Amino acid sequence: MFGFTKELSEREVTRWEVTRAKGKWHLIFRTAIAFVTSMLIAVSLVNWFFADIYLKPFHVIFFTILSPFVGLINWWTGDARYQNHLLDKRISSGLKL
């Protein structure tokens, strides 16, 4: 969602504020669904092209268990960058902490 080294643009700040207003669990669920879907499609295509093996139940279970953690990491990194942006704004405006 965000790059790790660059400063947040106003567009990214606005987008994160909208995402944050919808809530943490909304983002985690949305990210989890997207992650599971994309990984299962990718694994299926790679297996189909190279091994003639189709999707195994292990893949479905593994990516389903892993997906909420991916969503949670997405939330943590996005919110940390947003909080850092707000703190930088306070510091640059000369306000005391």
C-alpha atoms as a PDB file:
ATOM      1  CA  MET A   1       0.000   0.000   0.000  1.00  0.00           C
ATOM      2  CA  PHE A   2       2.724   2.448   0.966  1.00  0.00           C
ATOM      3  CA  GLY A   3       6.424   2.619   0.249  1.00  0.00           C
ATOM      4  CA  PHE A   4       8.572   2.389   3.357  1.00  0.00           C
ATOM      5  CA  THR A   5      11.059   5.178   2.738  1.00  0.00           C
ATOM      6  CA  LYS A   6       9.179   8.045   1.172  1.00  0.00           C
ATOM      7  CA  GLU A   7       7.078  10.595   2.942  1.00  0.00           C
ATOM      8  CA  LEU A   8       3.298  10.326   2.701  1.00  0.00           C
ATOM      9  CA  SER A   9       1.666  12.503   0.079  1.00  0.00           C
ATOM     10  CA  GLU A  10      -1.558  14.326   0.852  1.00  0.00           C
ATOM     11  CA  ARG A  11      -3.401  11.861  -1.368  1.00  0.00           C
ATOM     12  CA  GLU A  12      -2.045   8.924   0.653  1.00  0.00           C
ATOM     13  CA  VAL A  13      -2.950  10.685   3.909  1.00  0.00           C
ATOM     14  CA  THR A  14      -6.508  11.234   2.693  1.00  0.00           C
ATOM     15  CA  ARG A  15      -6.783   7.629   1.523  1.00  0.00           C
ATOM     16  CA  TRP A  16      -5.502   6.315   4.843  1.00  0.00           C
ATOM     17  CA  GLU A  17      -7.910   8.520   6.796  1.00  0.00           C
ATOM     18  CA  VAL A  18     -10.809   7.021   4.829  1.00  0.00           C
ATOM     19  CA  THR A  19      -9.442   3.504   5.374  1.00  0.00           C
ATOM     20  CA  ARG A  20      -8.908   4.209   9.072  1.00  0.00           C
ATOM     21  CA  ALA A  21     -12.464   5.510   9.406  1.00  0.00           C
ATOM     22  CA  LYS A  22     -13.785   2.199   8.057  1.00  0.00           C
ATOM     23  CA  GLY A  23     -11.873   0.376  10.777  1.00  0.00           C
ATOM     24  CA  LYS A  24      -9.043  -2.026  11.337  1.00  0.00           C
ATOM     25  CA  TRP A  25     -11.087  -5.193  10.844  1.00  0.00           C
ATOM     26  CA  HIS A  26     -12.481  -3.982   7.537  1.00  0.00           C
ATOM     27  CA  LEU A  27      -8.950  -3.530   6.190  1.00  0.00           C
ATOM     28  CA  ILE A  28      -7.754  -6.842   7.617  1.00  0.00           C
ATOM     29  CA  PHE A  29     -10.700  -8.722   6.106  1.00  0.00           C
ATOM     30  CA  ARG A  30     -10.352  -7.002   2.723  1.00  0.00           C
ATOM     31  CA  THR A  31      -6.600  -7.619   2.620  1.00  0.00           C
ATOM     32  CA  ALA A  32      -7.050 -11.241   3.700  1.00  0.00           C
ATOM     33  CA  ILE A  33      -9.561 -11.943   0.926  1.00  0.00           C
ATOM     34  CA  ALA A  34      -7.330 -10.316  -1.690  1.00  0.00           C
ATOM     35  CA  PHE A  35      -4.251 -12.174  -0.425  1.00  0.00           C
ATOM     36  CA  VAL A  36      -5.917 -15.607  -0.353  1.00  0.00           C
ATOM     37  CA  THR A  37      -7.427 -15.127  -3.793  1.00  0.00           C
ATOM     38  CA  SER A  38      -4.237 -13.890  -5.433  1.00  0.00           C
ATOM     39  CA  MET A  39      -2.026 -16.536  -3.835  1.00  0.00           C
ATOM     40  CA  LEU A  40      -4.354 -19.396  -4.740  1.00  0.00           C
ATOM     41  CA  ILE A  41      -4.548 -18.186  -8.334  1.00  0.00           C
ATOM     42  CA  ALA A  42      -0.770 -17.773  -8.517  1.00  0.00           C
ATOM     43  CA  VAL A  43      -0.063 -21.208  -7.026  1.00  0.00           C
ATOM     44  CA  SER A  44      -2.648 -22.820  -9.306  1.00  0.00           C
ATOM     45  CA  LEU A  45      -1.168 -21.223 -12.414  1.00  0.00           C
ATOM     46  CA  VAL A  46       2.421 -22.111 -11.505  1.00  0.00           C
ATOM     47  CA  ASN A  47       1.462 -25.686 -10.708  1.00  0.00           C
ATOM     48  CA  TRP A  48      -0.613 -25.989 -13.856  1.00  0.00           C
ATOM     49  CA  PHE A  49       2.141 -24.646 -16.128  1.00  0.00           C
ATOM     50  CA  PHE A  50       5.098 -26.450 -14.610  1.00  0.00           C
ATOM     51  CA  ALA A  51       3.936 -29.529 -12.757  1.00  0.00           C
ATOM     52  CA  ASP A  52       0.483 -30.462 -14.048  1.00  0.00           C
ATOM     53  CA  ILE A  53      -0.581 -30.560 -10.402  1.00  0.00           C
ATOM     54  CA  TYR A  54      -3.671 -28.749  -9.338  1.00  0.00           C
ATOM     55  CA  LEU A  55      -4.441 -26.888  -6.142  1.00  0.00           C
ATOM     56  CA  LYS A  56      -3.917 -28.947  -3.003  1.00  0.00           C
ATOM     57  CA  PRO A  57      -5.975 -28.552   0.193  1.00  0.00           C
ATOM     58  CA  PHE A  58      -2.742 -27.662   2.000  1.00  0.00           C
ATOM     59  CA  HIS A  59      -2.451 -24.469  -0.057  1.00  0.00           C
ATOM     60  CA  VAL A  60      -5.994 -23.400   0.758  1.00  0.00           C
ATOM     61  CA  ILE A  61      -5.512 -24.006   4.484  1.00  0.00           C
ATOM     62  CA  PHE A  62      -2.049 -22.435   4.631  1.00  0.00           C
ATOM     63  CA  PHE A  63      -2.976 -19.215   2.822  1.00  0.00           C
ATOM     64  CA  THR A  64      -6.257 -18.904   4.720  1.00  0.00           C
ATOM     65  CA  ILE A  65      -4.413 -19.102   8.040  1.00  0.00           C
ATOM     66  CA  LEU A  66      -1.672 -16.733   6.864  1.00  0.00           C
ATOM     67  CA  SER A  67      -3.985 -14.089   5.377  1.00  0.00           C
ATOM     68  CA  PRO A  68      -5.183 -12.370   8.603  1.00  0.00           C
ATOM     69  CA  PHE A  69      -1.554 -11.856   9.606  1.00  0.00           C
ATOM     70  CA  VAL A  70      -0.846 -10.212   6.260  1.00  0.00           C
ATOM     71  CA  GLY A  71      -3.824  -7.909   6.823  1.00  0.00           C
ATOM     72  CA  LEU A  72      -2.683  -7.078  10.337  1.00  0.00           C
ATOM     73  CA  ILE A  73       0.828  -6.233   9.143  1.00  0.00           C
ATOM     74  CA  ASN A  74      -0.724  -4.060   6.447  1.00  0.00           C
ATOM     75  CA  TRP A  75      -2.708  -2.203   9.118  1.00  0.00           C
ATOM     76  CA  TRP A  76       0.301  -1.783  11.436  1.00  0.00           C
ATOM     77  CA  THR A  77       2.587  -0.410   8.743  1.00  0.00           C
ATOM     78  CA  GLY A  78      -0.048   1.905   7.285  1.00  0.00           C
ATOM     79  CA  ASP A  79      -1.102   3.285  10.656  1.00  0.00           C
ATOM     80  CA  ALA A  80       2.505   3.686  11.833  1.00  0.00           C
ATOM     81  CA  ARG A  81       3.345   5.692   8.733  1.00  0.00           C
ATOM     82  CA  TYR A  82       0.218   7.814   9.248  1.00  0.00           C
ATOM     83  CA  GLN A  83       1.068   8.458  12.914  1.00  0.00           C
ATOM     84  CA  ASN A  84       4.640   9.386  11.934  1.00  0.00           C
ATOM     85  CA  HIS A  85       3.251  11.796   9.362  1.00  0.00           C
ATOM     86  CA  LEU A  86       1.072  13.472  11.992  1.00  0.00           C
ATOM     87  CA  LEU A  87       3.994  13.678  14.413  1.00  0.00           C
ATOM     88  CA  ASP A  88       6.238  15.177  11.729  1.00  0.00           C
ATOM     89  CA  LYS A  89       3.592  17.796  11.015  1.00  0.00           C
ATOM     90  CA  ARG A  90       3.400  18.705  14.708  1.00  0.00           C
ATOM     91  CA  ILE A  91       7.174  18.938  14.983  1.00  0.00           C
ATOM     92  CA  SER A  92       7.534  20.999  11.807  1.00  0.00           C
ATOM     93  CA  SER A  93       4.819  23.426  12.941  1.00  0.00           C
ATOM     94  CA  GLY A  94       6.785  24.079  16.117  1.00  0.00           C
ATOM     95  CA  LEU A  95       4.325  22.632  18.594  1.00  0.00           C
ATOM     96  CA  LYS A  96       5.679  21.094  21.754  1.00  0.00           C
ATOM     97  CA  LEU A  97       5.118  17.421  22.395  1.00  0.00           C
END
